[in-house]
Amino acid sequence: MSEIVAGCTPIGLGGYLPANTVLVISVIITLIALFIFEFVRGRFAGVNQFKSAIQTLLVGGIAAAAAFAVRIQK
């Protein structure tokens, strides 16, 4: 679900804002959505919700940073 929201953000804002601004907004929305969904999943899985959400947020953030770094070098 977070990918859908983040994927629609650049499409919806692309014509109105600079590309760098849209990218930052999309990344923020994705990280917030990852945190919320993992926090809720942690409740149903019976694990520490906050710890689970932070772990997923860190992994997602590192993956996004790596992808962005690779893209910049091309």
Protein backbone atom coordinates (compact mmCIF):
# COMPACT_ATOMS: atom_id res chain seq x y z
CA MET A 1 0.00 0.00 0.00
CA SER A 2 2.83 2.42 0.80
CA GLU A 3 4.25 1.87 -2.67
CA ILE A 4 0.92 2.81 -4.27
CA VAL A 5 0.64 6.02 -2.26
CA ALA A 6 4.25 6.96 -2.89
CA GLY A 7 3.95 6.05 -6.56
CA CYS A 8 0.90 8.27 -7.04
CA THR A 9 2.51 11.26 -5.33
CA PRO A 10 4.91 12.15 -8.17
CA ILE A 11 2.15 11.72 -10.72
CA GLY A 12 -0.23 13.98 -8.83
CA LEU A 13 2.30 16.67 -7.96
CA GLY A 14 4.62 16.36 -10.95
CA GLY A 15 3.14 19.22 -12.90
CA TYR A 16 2.99 21.62 -9.99
CA LEU A 17 6.26 21.29 -8.09
CA PRO A 18 9.93 20.84 -8.98
CA ALA A 19 11.09 17.23 -9.34
CA ASN A 20 13.37 17.36 -6.29
CA THR A 21 10.53 18.58 -4.09
CA VAL A 22 8.22 15.85 -5.35
CA LEU A 23 10.92 13.25 -4.66
CA VAL A 24 11.34 14.41 -1.07
CA ILE A 25 7.57 14.42 -0.48
CA SER A 26 7.27 10.94 -1.96
CA VAL A 27 10.07 9.58 0.25
CA ILE A 28 8.53 11.11 3.38
CA ILE A 29 5.09 9.70 2.59
CA THR A 30 6.58 6.26 1.90
CA LEU A 31 8.50 6.20 5.19
CA ILE A 32 5.45 7.34 7.17
CA ALA A 33 3.29 4.69 5.51
CA LEU A 34 5.90 1.99 6.18
CA PHE A 35 6.01 3.00 9.85
CA ILE A 36 2.22 2.99 10.24
CA PHE A 37 1.65 -0.31 8.46
CA GLU A 38 4.44 -2.06 10.35
CA PHE A 39 3.23 -0.62 13.65
CA VAL A 40 -0.23 -2.06 13.01
CA ARG A 41 1.21 -5.38 11.81
CA GLY A 42 3.28 -5.61 14.98
CA ARG A 43 0.12 -5.44 17.04
CA PHE A 44 -1.44 -8.38 15.22
CA ALA A 45 1.81 -10.35 15.20
CA GLY A 46 2.21 -9.96 18.94
CA VAL A 47 5.63 -8.33 18.80
CA ASN A 48 6.84 -4.96 20.07
CA GLN A 49 5.06 -2.57 17.71
CA PHE A 50 7.45 0.34 18.00
CA LYS A 51 10.58 -1.79 17.63
CA SER A 52 9.13 -3.58 14.59
CA ALA A 53 8.13 -0.30 12.96
CA ILE A 54 11.52 1.32 13.58
CA GLN A 55 13.36 -1.70 12.16
CA THR A 56 11.28 -1.61 8.99
CA LEU A 57 11.68 2.16 8.74
CA LEU A 58 15.46 1.86 8.98
CA VAL A 59 15.67 -0.95 6.42
CA GLY A 60 13.35 0.94 4.06
CA GLY A 61 15.32 4.15 4.53
CA ILE A 62 18.64 2.45 3.87
CA ALA A 63 17.24 0.73 0.77
CA ALA A 64 15.86 4.02 -0.54
CA ALA A 65 19.15 5.81 0.11
CA ALA A 66 21.07 3.07 -1.71
CA ALA A 67 18.72 3.22 -4.69
CA PHE A 68 19.00 7.01 -4.79
CA ALA A 69 22.80 6.84 -4.59
CA VAL A 70 22.94 4.37 -7.47
CA ARG A 71 20.62 6.58 -9.54
CA ILE A 72 22.78 9.67 -8.95
CA GLN A 73 25.87 7.91 -10.29
CA LYS A 74 24.25 7.08 -13.63
